[in-house]
């Protein structure tokens, strides 16, 4: 298994924190309920919020559930 560099780890952490923030803003205190209601794998979505790596296609599906564009998502919090 390849160890991620510090920059990648930080950005994945930022991504997870942003997903968590968006979920809470949408009124979901529980990530499992959000995932269930949006037909996303619950355990997998939970890992995304923890800052684990995800495929681009998975990110697109999650952002669609939030009804947010890539541009909006990456507008703040990422270098």
Protein backbone atom coordinates (compact mmCIF):
# COMPACT_ATOMS: atom_id res chain seq x y z
CA UNK A 1 0.00 0.00 0.00
CA UNK A 2 1.36 3.40 -0.99
CA UNK A 3 1.53 6.05 1.72
CA UNK A 4 -0.03 9.36 0.71
CA UNK A 5 2.02 12.51 0.96
CA UNK A 6 1.17 15.16 3.54
CA UNK A 7 -0.47 17.49 1.01
CA UNK A 8 -2.79 14.75 -0.26
CA UNK A 9 -3.72 13.73 3.28
CA UNK A 10 -4.53 17.35 4.18
CA UNK A 11 -6.69 17.85 1.09
CA UNK A 12 -8.60 14.61 1.70
CA UNK A 13 -9.20 15.76 5.28
CA UNK A 14 -10.48 19.10 3.94
CA UNK A 15 -12.76 17.26 1.52
CA UNK A 16 -14.19 15.11 4.31
CA UNK A 17 -14.77 18.10 6.56
CA UNK A 18 -16.51 19.95 3.74
CA UNK A 19 -18.80 16.99 3.05
CA UNK A 20 -19.67 16.77 6.74
CA UNK A 21 -20.41 20.50 6.89
CA UNK A 22 -22.66 20.33 3.82
CA UNK A 23 -24.54 17.34 5.25
CA UNK A 24 -25.20 19.15 8.52
CA UNK A 25 -26.27 22.30 6.63
CA UNK A 26 -28.80 20.15 4.76
CA UNK A 27 -30.28 19.16 8.12
CA UNK A 28 -28.81 15.67 8.49
CA UNK A 29 -27.14 15.14 11.85
CA UNK A 30 -26.47 11.50 10.95
CA UNK A 31 -24.32 10.62 7.92
CA UNK A 32 -26.00 7.21 7.62
CA UNK A 33 -29.45 8.76 7.19
CA UNK A 34 -28.12 11.18 4.56
CA UNK A 35 -26.47 8.34 2.64
CA UNK A 36 -29.56 6.13 2.89
CA UNK A 37 -31.92 8.85 1.66
CA UNK A 38 -29.64 9.65 -1.29
CA UNK A 39 -28.97 6.05 -2.29
CA UNK A 40 -25.28 6.20 -1.36
CA UNK A 41 -23.44 3.31 0.30
CA UNK A 42 -23.55 4.28 3.99
CA UNK A 43 -20.22 2.87 5.12
CA UNK A 44 -18.48 4.22 2.04
CA UNK A 45 -19.95 7.69 2.50
CA UNK A 46 -18.85 7.62 6.14
CA UNK A 47 -15.29 6.96 5.01
CA UNK A 48 -15.46 9.96 2.67
CA UNK A 49 -16.34 12.21 5.61
CA UNK A 50 -13.37 10.74 7.48
CA UNK A 51 -11.06 11.92 4.70
CA UNK A 52 -10.43 8.62 2.98
CA UNK A 53 -9.72 8.59 -0.73
CA UNK A 54 -12.57 8.42 -3.21
CA UNK A 55 -13.00 8.13 -6.92
CA UNK A 56 -13.95 11.18 -8.95
CA UNK A 57 -17.17 9.50 -10.10
CA UNK A 58 -18.10 8.91 -6.45
CA UNK A 59 -17.49 12.56 -5.63
CA UNK A 60 -19.76 13.58 -8.51
CA UNK A 61 -22.54 11.35 -7.17
CA UNK A 62 -22.18 12.81 -3.67
CA UNK A 63 -22.18 16.39 -4.97
CA UNK A 64 -25.31 15.63 -6.99
CA UNK A 65 -26.99 14.49 -3.76
CA UNK A 66 -26.03 17.84 -2.22
CA UNK A 67 -27.22 19.66 -5.36
CA UNK A 68 -23.90 21.49 -5.60
CA UNK A 69 -21.51 21.95 -8.52
CA UNK A 70 -17.81 21.08 -8.53
CA UNK A 71 -17.03 24.77 -8.82
CA UNK A 72 -19.12 25.61 -5.76
CA UNK A 73 -17.67 22.74 -3.77
CA UNK A 74 -14.04 23.62 -4.43
CA UNK A 75 -14.57 27.38 -4.21
CA UNK A 76 -13.40 27.53 -0.56
CA UNK A 77 -11.14 25.46 1.65
CA UNK A 78 -8.83 24.03 -0.99
CA UNK A 79 -5.56 25.33 -2.36
